[in-house]
Amino acid sequence: QVQLVESGGGSVQTGGSLRLSCAASRDTYSSYCWGWFRQTPGNEREGVAAISSGGHSTYYTDSVKGRFTISQDNADKTLYLSMNSLKPEDTGMYYCAAAPSPLCMTTIQILGVMKASDFNYWGQGTHVTVSS
């Protein structure tokens, strides 16, 4: 069982920056595909960014390209999401997630979207508020 704990959320003004962290409990951290999703009330979880095991491939949804960067530190078993030039529409609950399939990044690249149903393990979420 993989346990994920997010941190780093908070309130910033438009144009500000935040870095989210996700600490994983399992020693086999490097065996999974990892992602960040966000959700606002009444809406489904939206895939924001994903990274393959080893960090060789990444994916970003169009609305965050050039502003967000996903990265990982395998030694510390931690996933990061650096968010710059934040906009009010980035407001939401951000979740870290892990997918057990080694094909998860290939699937994302073929479909052009991250599917929450492909990710089996989830953190509790950390909230980001961007005010105008």
C-alpha atoms as a PDB file:
ATOM      1  CA  GLN A   1       0.000   0.000   0.000  1.00  0.00           C
ATOM      2  CA  VAL A   2       1.314   3.415  -0.955  1.00  0.00           C
ATOM      3  CA  GLN A   3       0.595   6.304   1.364  1.00  0.00           C
ATOM      4  CA  LEU A   4       0.843   9.838  -0.011  1.00  0.00           C
ATOM      5  CA  VAL A   5       0.903  13.058   1.978  1.00  0.00           C
ATOM      6  CA  GLU A   6       0.671  16.421   0.247  1.00  0.00           C
ATOM      7  CA  SER A   7       1.808  19.761   1.626  1.00  0.00           C
ATOM      8  CA  GLY A   8       2.598  23.258   0.410  1.00  0.00           C
ATOM      9  CA  GLY A   9      -0.813  24.623  -0.430  1.00  0.00           C
ATOM     10  CA  GLY A  10      -1.875  28.082   0.638  1.00  0.00           C
ATOM     11  CA  SER A  11      -3.196  31.436  -0.468  1.00  0.00           C
ATOM     12  CA  VAL A  12      -1.397  33.673  -2.929  1.00  0.00           C
ATOM     13  CA  GLN A  13      -2.235  36.575  -5.182  1.00  0.00           C
ATOM     14  CA  THR A  14      -2.383  36.403  -8.948  1.00  0.00           C
ATOM     15  CA  GLY A  15       1.109  36.018 -10.353  1.00  0.00           C
ATOM     16  CA  GLY A  16       2.436  34.378  -7.226  1.00  0.00           C
ATOM     17  CA  SER A  17       4.149  31.032  -6.811  1.00  0.00           C
ATOM     18  CA  LEU A  18       3.748  27.914  -4.711  1.00  0.00           C
ATOM     19  CA  ARG A  19       5.499  24.556  -4.570  1.00  0.00           C
ATOM     20  CA  LEU A  20       3.492  21.524  -3.623  1.00  0.00           C
ATOM     21  CA  SER A  21       5.148  18.432  -2.183  1.00  0.00           C
ATOM     22  CA  CYS A  22       3.958  14.851  -1.970  1.00  0.00           C
ATOM     23  CA  ALA A  23       5.788  12.448   0.316  1.00  0.00           C
ATOM     24  CA  ALA A  24       5.431   8.751  -0.462  1.00  0.00           C
ATOM     25  CA  SER A  25       5.766   6.067   2.150  1.00  0.00           C
ATOM     26  CA  ARG A  26       6.737   3.120   0.021  1.00  0.00           C
ATOM     27  CA  ASP A  27      10.274   2.082  -0.836  1.00  0.00           C
ATOM     28  CA  THR A  28       9.257   1.178  -4.364  1.00  0.00           C
ATOM     29  CA  TYR A  29       8.502   4.824  -5.132  1.00  0.00           C
ATOM     30  CA  SER A  30      10.416   4.663  -8.373  1.00  0.00           C
ATOM     31  CA  SER A  31       8.164   1.917  -9.745  1.00  0.00           C
ATOM     32  CA  TYR A  32       5.132   4.119 -10.306  1.00  0.00           C
ATOM     33  CA  CYS A  33       3.840   6.831 -12.611  1.00  0.00           C
ATOM     34  CA  TRP A  34       2.954   9.939 -10.616  1.00  0.00           C
ATOM     35  CA  GLY A  35       0.591  12.812 -11.122  1.00  0.00           C
ATOM     36  CA  TRP A  36      -1.086  15.898  -9.747  1.00  0.00           C
ATOM     37  CA  PHE A  37      -4.812  16.461 -10.081  1.00  0.00           C
ATOM     38  CA  ARG A  38      -6.921  19.391  -8.979  1.00  0.00           C
ATOM     39  CA  GLN A  39     -10.594  19.661  -8.168  1.00  0.00           C
ATOM     40  CA  THR A  40     -13.053  22.451  -7.519  1.00  0.00           C
ATOM     41  CA  PRO A  41     -16.495  22.024  -5.935  1.00  0.00           C
ATOM     42  CA  GLY A  42     -18.971  20.404  -8.282  1.00  0.00           C
ATOM     43  CA  ASN A  43     -16.340  19.396 -10.813  1.00  0.00           C
ATOM     44  CA  GLU A  44     -14.422  16.236 -11.566  1.00  0.00           C
ATOM     45  CA  ARG A  45     -10.746  15.907 -10.795  1.00  0.00           C
ATOM     46  CA  GLU A  46      -8.651  17.357 -13.587  1.00  0.00           C
ATOM     47  CA  GLY A  47      -5.228  15.968 -14.389  1.00  0.00           C
ATOM     48  CA  VAL A  48      -2.690  18.773 -14.208  1.00  0.00           C
ATOM     49  CA  ALA A  49       0.711  17.129 -14.619  1.00  0.00           C
ATOM     50  CA  ALA A  50       2.256  13.680 -14.668  1.00  0.00           C
ATOM     51  CA  ILE A  51       5.744  12.215 -14.644  1.00  0.00           C
ATOM     52  CA  SER A  52       7.000   8.768 -15.500  1.00  0.00           C
ATOM     53  CA  SER A  53       9.049   6.652 -13.158  1.00  0.00           C
ATOM     54  CA  GLY A  54      12.610   7.848 -13.563  1.00  0.00           C
ATOM     55  CA  GLY A  55      11.389  11.257 -14.680  1.00  0.00           C
ATOM     56  CA  HIS A  56      12.052  10.718 -18.378  1.00  0.00           C
ATOM     57  CA  SER A  57       8.602  11.773 -19.563  1.00  0.00           C
ATOM     58  CA  THR A  58       6.234  14.453 -18.401  1.00  0.00           C
ATOM     59  CA  TYR A  59       2.759  15.622 -19.296  1.00  0.00           C
ATOM     60  CA  TYR A  60       1.008  18.934 -18.629  1.00  0.00           C
ATOM     61  CA  THR A  61      -2.524  19.961 -19.330  1.00  0.00           C
ATOM     62  CA  ASP A  62      -2.620  22.905 -21.727  1.00  0.00           C
ATOM     63  CA  SER A  63      -3.724  25.469 -19.147  1.00  0.00           C
ATOM     64  CA  VAL A  64      -0.566  25.044 -17.042  1.00  0.00           C
ATOM     65  CA  LYS A  65       2.098  24.555 -19.707  1.00  0.00           C
ATOM     66  CA  GLY A  66       4.970  26.959 -19.214  1.00  0.00           C
ATOM     67  CA  ARG A  67       3.836  27.805 -15.674  1.00  0.00           C
ATOM     68  CA  PHE A  68       3.916  24.511 -13.744  1.00  0.00           C
ATOM     69  CA  THR A  69       6.768  22.029 -13.422  1.00  0.00           C
ATOM     70  CA  ILE A  70       6.457  18.502 -12.082  1.00  0.00           C
ATOM     71  CA  SER A  71       9.551  16.848 -10.649  1.00  0.00           C
ATOM     72  CA  GLN A  72      10.563  14.075  -8.331  1.00  0.00           C
ATOM     73  CA  ASP A  73      13.310  13.243  -5.868  1.00  0.00           C
ATOM     74  CA  ASN A  74      13.637   9.484  -5.746  1.00  0.00           C
ATOM     75  CA  ALA A  75      16.119   9.603  -2.878  1.00  0.00           C
ATOM     76  CA  ASP A  76      13.558  11.400  -0.701  1.00  0.00           C
ATOM     77  CA  LYS A  77      10.572   9.626  -2.294  1.00  0.00           C
ATOM     78  CA  THR A  78       8.960  13.004  -2.900  1.00  0.00           C
ATOM     79  CA  LEU A  79       6.985  14.414  -5.803  1.00  0.00           C
ATOM     80  CA  TYR A  80       6.833  18.158  -6.425  1.00  0.00           C
ATOM     81  CA  LEU A  81       4.701  20.596  -8.370  1.00  0.00           C
ATOM     82  CA  SER A  82       6.222  24.046  -8.812  1.00  0.00           C
ATOM     83  CA  MET A  83       3.546  26.534  -9.765  1.00  0.00           C
ATOM     84  CA  ASN A  84       4.419  29.976 -11.096  1.00  0.00           C
ATOM     85  CA  SER A  85       2.371  32.842 -12.535  1.00  0.00           C
ATOM     86  CA  LEU A  86      -0.639  31.549 -10.683  1.00  0.00           C
ATOM     87  CA  LYS A  87      -4.093  32.575 -11.827  1.00  0.00           C
ATOM     88  CA  PRO A  88      -7.440  32.587  -9.997  1.00  0.00           C
ATOM     89  CA  GLU A  89      -8.537  29.658 -12.158  1.00  0.00           C
ATOM     90  CA  ASP A  90      -5.741  27.574 -10.593  1.00  0.00           C
ATOM     91  CA  THR A  91      -7.647  27.652  -7.313  1.00  0.00           C
ATOM     92  CA  GLY A  92      -8.698  24.234  -6.067  1.00  0.00           C
ATOM     93  CA  MET A  93      -7.792  21.170  -4.067  1.00  0.00           C
ATOM     94  CA  TYR A  94      -4.643  19.582  -5.396  1.00  0.00           C
ATOM     95  CA  TYR A  95      -4.144  15.840  -5.064  1.00  0.00           C
ATOM     96  CA  CYS A  96      -1.049  13.740  -5.537  1.00  0.00           C
ATOM     97  CA  ALA A  97      -1.667  10.346  -7.103  1.00  0.00           C
ATOM     98  CA  ALA A  98       0.249   7.232  -8.116  1.00  0.00           C
ATOM     99  CA  ALA A  99      -0.513   4.748 -10.858  1.00  0.00           C
ATOM    100  CA  PRO A 100       0.785   1.163 -10.591  1.00  0.00           C
ATOM    101  CA  SER A 101       1.076   0.495 -14.307  1.00  0.00           C
ATOM    102  CA  PRO A 102       4.404   1.045 -16.060  1.00  0.00           C
ATOM    103  CA  LEU A 103       2.341   1.982 -19.133  1.00  0.00           C
ATOM    104  CA  CYS A 104       0.540   4.875 -17.474  1.00  0.00           C
ATOM    105  CA  MET A 105       2.598   7.632 -19.106  1.00  0.00           C
ATOM    106  CA  THR A 106       2.266   5.999 -22.520  1.00  0.00           C
ATOM    107  CA  THR A 107      -1.492   5.905 -22.014  1.00  0.00           C
ATOM    108  CA  ILE A 108      -1.564   9.575 -21.031  1.00  0.00           C
ATOM    109  CA  GLN A 109       0.471  10.564 -24.078  1.00  0.00           C
ATOM    110  CA  ILE A 110      -1.760   8.583 -26.426  1.00  0.00           C
ATOM    111  CA  LEU A 111      -5.011   9.887 -24.946  1.00  0.00           C
ATOM    112  CA  GLY A 112      -3.725  13.408 -24.333  1.00  0.00           C
ATOM    113  CA  VAL A 113      -5.394  13.466 -20.925  1.00  0.00           C
ATOM    114  CA  MET A 114      -4.885  12.069 -17.436  1.00  0.00           C
ATOM    115  CA  LYS A 115      -7.647   9.764 -16.240  1.00  0.00           C
ATOM    116  CA  ALA A 116      -8.225   9.694 -12.500  1.00  0.00           C
ATOM    117  CA  SER A 117      -9.405   6.096 -12.801  1.00  0.00           C
ATOM    118  CA  ASP A 118      -5.891   5.035 -13.865  1.00  0.00           C
ATOM    119  CA  PHE A 119      -4.425   6.227 -10.561  1.00  0.00           C
ATOM    120  CA  ASN A 120      -4.950   3.859  -7.651  1.00  0.00           C
ATOM    121  CA  TYR A 121      -3.331   5.730  -4.775  1.00  0.00           C
ATOM    122  CA  TRP A 122      -4.274   9.218  -3.601  1.00  0.00           C
ATOM    123  CA  GLY A 123      -3.251  11.700  -0.989  1.00  0.00           C
ATOM    124  CA  GLN A 124      -5.660  13.708   1.124  1.00  0.00           C
ATOM    125  CA  GLY A 125      -5.164  16.901  -0.870  1.00  0.00           C
ATOM    126  CA  THR A 126      -3.792  20.358  -0.220  1.00  0.00           C
ATOM    127  CA  HIS A 127      -5.736  23.496  -1.058  1.00  0.00           C
ATOM    128  CA  VAL A 128      -4.521  26.323  -3.266  1.00  0.00           C
ATOM    129  CA  THR A 129      -6.284  29.675  -3.367  1.00  0.00           C
ATOM    130  CA  VAL A 130      -5.269  32.331  -5.879  1.00  0.00           C
ATOM    131  CA  SER A 131      -6.889  35.695  -5.373  1.00  0.00           C
ATOM    132  CA  SER A 132      -7.169  38.432  -7.966  1.00  0.00           C
END
